[in-house]
Amino acid sequence: MLKTIIHGVNLARNAFRDVGNPVKRSPKWEKLEHEFKLAHPSCAACGSINRLNIHHIKPFHVSPELELDPNNLITMCMDTKECHLKLAHLGSFKTANSNIIVDAAHALKHPEKFDEIIKFAKAHYLVIN
């Protein structure tokens, strides 16, 4: 029950993470996001096809010039594992995992090590936005 409540709170945090962000999205973003999801239809870290989010590897408010660069994108989920929040943002939307591509591939190959991968990433790849 508590896990369900926490997951609901995290989903809400995900939905409102860009509110108040001074850098506005490009009008081309929605089309690119849709096309990227079609090309990469599952979470890079767990394989889920539910509640997918296209994550910017280098945050778009930090590197707005990379907002529409497909090489700066990775599909992550906000499904029950919450890969977008837990692995890509290391638990806080104010931070980012600079090694997300490698960590997501490792998590997909070794799902039993998901928590270990997050712990290691927090110690080594945390970038404060």
C-alpha atoms as a PDB file:
ATOM      1  CA  MET A   1       0.000   0.000   0.000  1.00  0.00           C
ATOM      2  CA  LEU A   2       2.755   2.455   0.969  1.00  0.00           C
ATOM      3  CA  LYS A   3       4.671   1.524  -2.196  1.00  0.00           C
ATOM      4  CA  THR A   4       1.587   2.381  -4.281  1.00  0.00           C
ATOM      5  CA  ILE A   5       1.232   5.775  -2.594  1.00  0.00           C
ATOM      6  CA  ILE A   6       4.915   6.584  -3.105  1.00  0.00           C
ATOM      7  CA  HIS A   7       4.657   5.531  -6.759  1.00  0.00           C
ATOM      8  CA  GLY A   8       1.651   7.855  -7.193  1.00  0.00           C
ATOM      9  CA  VAL A   9       3.580  10.756  -5.671  1.00  0.00           C
ATOM     10  CA  ASN A  10       6.536  10.045  -7.967  1.00  0.00           C
ATOM     11  CA  LEU A  11       4.249   9.973 -11.015  1.00  0.00           C
ATOM     12  CA  ALA A  12       2.916  13.393 -10.023  1.00  0.00           C
ATOM     13  CA  ARG A  13       6.453  14.716  -9.522  1.00  0.00           C
ATOM     14  CA  ASN A  14       7.346  13.431 -13.003  1.00  0.00           C
ATOM     15  CA  ALA A  15       4.313  15.115 -14.561  1.00  0.00           C
ATOM     16  CA  PHE A  16       5.172  18.516 -13.070  1.00  0.00           C
ATOM     17  CA  ARG A  17       8.981  18.426 -13.230  1.00  0.00           C
ATOM     18  CA  ASP A  18       9.230  21.094 -15.982  1.00  0.00           C
ATOM     19  CA  VAL A  19       6.778  23.548 -14.388  1.00  0.00           C
ATOM     20  CA  GLY A  20       8.562  26.820 -13.745  1.00  0.00           C
ATOM     21  CA  ASN A  21      11.506  25.851 -15.937  1.00  0.00           C
ATOM     22  CA  PRO A  22      12.704  29.073 -17.618  1.00  0.00           C
ATOM     23  CA  VAL A  23      13.794  27.208 -20.778  1.00  0.00           C
ATOM     24  CA  LYS A  24      10.793  26.449 -22.966  1.00  0.00           C
ATOM     25  CA  ARG A  25      10.469  23.416 -25.219  1.00  0.00           C
ATOM     26  CA  SER A  26      10.870  23.747 -28.957  1.00  0.00           C
ATOM     27  CA  PRO A  27       7.645  23.505 -30.984  1.00  0.00           C
ATOM     28  CA  LYS A  28       9.355  20.579 -32.749  1.00  0.00           C
ATOM     29  CA  TRP A  29       9.757  18.628 -29.474  1.00  0.00           C
ATOM     30  CA  GLU A  30       6.394  16.784 -29.465  1.00  0.00           C
ATOM     31  CA  LYS A  31       6.928  15.407 -32.976  1.00  0.00           C
ATOM     32  CA  LEU A  32      10.491  14.315 -32.223  1.00  0.00           C
ATOM     33  CA  GLU A  33       9.401  12.771 -28.910  1.00  0.00           C
ATOM     34  CA  HIS A  34       6.667  10.788 -30.679  1.00  0.00           C
ATOM     35  CA  GLU A  35       9.042   9.593 -33.417  1.00  0.00           C
ATOM     36  CA  PHE A  36      11.704   8.630 -30.877  1.00  0.00           C
ATOM     37  CA  LYS A  37       9.152   6.605 -28.891  1.00  0.00           C
ATOM     38  CA  LEU A  38       8.147   4.756 -32.059  1.00  0.00           C
ATOM     39  CA  ALA A  39      11.791   3.955 -32.805  1.00  0.00           C
ATOM     40  CA  HIS A  40      12.601   3.070 -29.160  1.00  0.00           C
ATOM     41  CA  PRO A  41       9.323   1.678 -27.750  1.00  0.00           C
ATOM     42  CA  SER A  42      10.565   0.263 -24.447  1.00  0.00           C
ATOM     43  CA  CYS A  43      12.451   1.396 -21.379  1.00  0.00           C
ATOM     44  CA  ALA A  44      16.200   1.115 -21.911  1.00  0.00           C
ATOM     45  CA  ALA A  45      16.672   0.009 -18.292  1.00  0.00           C
ATOM     46  CA  CYS A  46      13.881  -2.523 -17.689  1.00  0.00           C
ATOM     47  CA  GLY A  47      12.150  -3.154 -21.015  1.00  0.00           C
ATOM     48  CA  SER A  48       8.754  -1.854 -19.859  1.00  0.00           C
ATOM     49  CA  ILE A  49       6.411  -0.453 -22.499  1.00  0.00           C
ATOM     50  CA  ASN A  50       4.259   1.428 -19.971  1.00  0.00           C
ATOM     51  CA  ARG A  51       4.458   5.095 -18.917  1.00  0.00           C
ATOM     52  CA  LEU A  52       7.400   5.825 -21.190  1.00  0.00           C
ATOM     53  CA  ASN A  53       9.301   9.071 -21.004  1.00  0.00           C
ATOM     54  CA  ILE A  54      11.889  10.362 -23.435  1.00  0.00           C
ATOM     55  CA  HIS A  55      14.767  11.480 -21.237  1.00  0.00           C
ATOM     56  CA  HIS A  56      17.450  13.984 -22.210  1.00  0.00           C
ATOM     57  CA  ILE A  57      20.848  12.578 -21.299  1.00  0.00           C
ATOM     58  CA  LYS A  58      22.217  16.107 -20.931  1.00  0.00           C
ATOM     59  CA  PRO A  59      19.270  18.002 -19.418  1.00  0.00           C
ATOM     60  CA  PHE A  60      17.640  20.280 -21.953  1.00  0.00           C
ATOM     61  CA  HIS A  61      17.529  23.268 -19.591  1.00  0.00           C
ATOM     62  CA  VAL A  62      21.315  22.915 -19.152  1.00  0.00           C
ATOM     63  CA  SER A  63      22.065  22.210 -22.847  1.00  0.00           C
ATOM     64  CA  PRO A  64      19.059  23.559 -24.774  1.00  0.00           C
ATOM     65  CA  GLU A  65      20.969  23.208 -28.038  1.00  0.00           C
ATOM     66  CA  LEU A  66      20.749  19.402 -27.583  1.00  0.00           C
ATOM     67  CA  GLU A  67      16.983  19.317 -26.996  1.00  0.00           C
ATOM     68  CA  LEU A  68      16.219  17.958 -30.481  1.00  0.00           C
ATOM     69  CA  ASP A  69      19.372  15.828 -30.882  1.00  0.00           C
ATOM     70  CA  PRO A  70      18.318  12.138 -30.991  1.00  0.00           C
ATOM     71  CA  ASN A  71      21.790  11.203 -29.703  1.00  0.00           C
ATOM     72  CA  ASN A  72      20.910  13.005 -26.472  1.00  0.00           C
ATOM     73  CA  LEU A  73      17.754  10.957 -25.864  1.00  0.00           C
ATOM     74  CA  ILE A  74      16.951   7.663 -24.182  1.00  0.00           C
ATOM     75  CA  THR A  75      13.603   6.017 -23.449  1.00  0.00           C
ATOM     76  CA  MET A  76      12.956   5.515 -19.740  1.00  0.00           C
ATOM     77  CA  CYS A  77       9.799   4.508 -17.874  1.00  0.00           C
ATOM     78  CA  MET A  78       7.825   5.724 -14.913  1.00  0.00           C
ATOM     79  CA  ASP A  79       6.277   2.271 -14.573  1.00  0.00           C
ATOM     80  CA  THR A  80       6.581   0.350 -11.300  1.00  0.00           C
ATOM     81  CA  LYS A  81      10.428   0.392 -11.356  1.00  0.00           C
ATOM     82  CA  GLU A  82      10.411   4.158 -12.004  1.00  0.00           C
ATOM     83  CA  CYS A  83      13.600   3.946 -14.081  1.00  0.00           C
ATOM     84  CA  HIS A  84      13.291   7.565 -15.235  1.00  0.00           C
ATOM     85  CA  LEU A  85      13.315   8.931 -11.691  1.00  0.00           C
ATOM     86  CA  LYS A  86      15.462   6.319  -9.959  1.00  0.00           C
ATOM     87  CA  LEU A  87      18.151   5.657 -12.579  1.00  0.00           C
ATOM     88  CA  ALA A  88      18.131   8.625 -14.991  1.00  0.00           C
ATOM     89  CA  HIS A  89      17.661  11.236 -12.245  1.00  0.00           C
ATOM     90  CA  LEU A  90      19.044   9.195  -9.333  1.00  0.00           C
ATOM     91  CA  GLY A  91      16.000   9.894  -7.184  1.00  0.00           C
ATOM     92  CA  SER A  92      15.667  13.655  -7.714  1.00  0.00           C
ATOM     93  CA  PHE A  93      14.609  15.652 -10.775  1.00  0.00           C
ATOM     94  CA  LYS A  94      17.268  18.194  -9.704  1.00  0.00           C
ATOM     95  CA  THR A  95      20.013  15.727 -10.628  1.00  0.00           C
ATOM     96  CA  ALA A  96      20.991  13.612 -13.610  1.00  0.00           C
ATOM     97  CA  ASN A  97      22.968  10.442 -14.223  1.00  0.00           C
ATOM     98  CA  SER A  98      25.701  11.347 -16.702  1.00  0.00           C
ATOM     99  CA  ASN A  99      26.322   7.644 -17.385  1.00  0.00           C
ATOM    100  CA  ILE A 100      22.671   6.710 -18.053  1.00  0.00           C
ATOM    101  CA  ILE A 101      23.262   4.873 -21.350  1.00  0.00           C
ATOM    102  CA  VAL A 102      25.741   2.428 -19.828  1.00  0.00           C
ATOM    103  CA  ASP A 103      23.808   2.092 -16.562  1.00  0.00           C
ATOM    104  CA  ALA A 104      20.504   1.455 -18.362  1.00  0.00           C
ATOM    105  CA  ALA A 105      22.077  -1.235 -20.562  1.00  0.00           C
ATOM    106  CA  HIS A 106      23.590  -2.863 -17.462  1.00  0.00           C
ATOM    107  CA  ALA A 107      20.241  -2.743 -15.634  1.00  0.00           C
ATOM    108  CA  LEU A 108      18.448  -4.279 -18.619  1.00  0.00           C
ATOM    109  CA  LYS A 109      20.981  -7.126 -18.776  1.00  0.00           C
ATOM    110  CA  HIS A 110      21.081  -7.641 -14.987  1.00  0.00           C
ATOM    111  CA  PRO A 111      17.679  -6.664 -13.512  1.00  0.00           C
ATOM    112  CA  GLU A 112      18.576  -8.311 -10.215  1.00  0.00           C
ATOM    113  CA  LYS A 113      21.311  -5.661  -9.751  1.00  0.00           C
ATOM    114  CA  PHE A 114      19.030  -2.642 -10.328  1.00  0.00           C
ATOM    115  CA  ASP A 115      19.423  -1.232  -6.797  1.00  0.00           C
ATOM    116  CA  GLU A 116      23.212  -1.801  -6.861  1.00  0.00           C
ATOM    117  CA  ILE A 117      23.479   0.032 -10.199  1.00  0.00           C
ATOM    118  CA  ILE A 118      21.572   3.003  -8.775  1.00  0.00           C
ATOM    119  CA  LYS A 119      23.755   3.091  -5.672  1.00  0.00           C
ATOM    120  CA  PHE A 120      26.943   2.976  -7.763  1.00  0.00           C
ATOM    121  CA  ALA A 121      25.628   5.666 -10.126  1.00  0.00           C
ATOM    122  CA  LYS A 122      24.765   7.979  -7.226  1.00  0.00           C
ATOM    123  CA  ALA A 123      28.335   7.658  -5.973  1.00  0.00           C
ATOM    124  CA  HIS A 124      29.998   8.190  -9.368  1.00  0.00           C
ATOM    125  CA  TYR A 125      27.783   9.902 -11.955  1.00  0.00           C
ATOM    126  CA  LEU A 126      25.621  12.409 -10.138  1.00  0.00           C
ATOM    127  CA  VAL A 127      25.348  15.760 -11.898  1.00  0.00           C
ATOM    128  CA  ILE A 128      23.627  18.578 -10.039  1.00  0.00           C
ATOM    129  CA  ASN A 129      21.442  20.679 -12.344  1.00  0.00           C
END
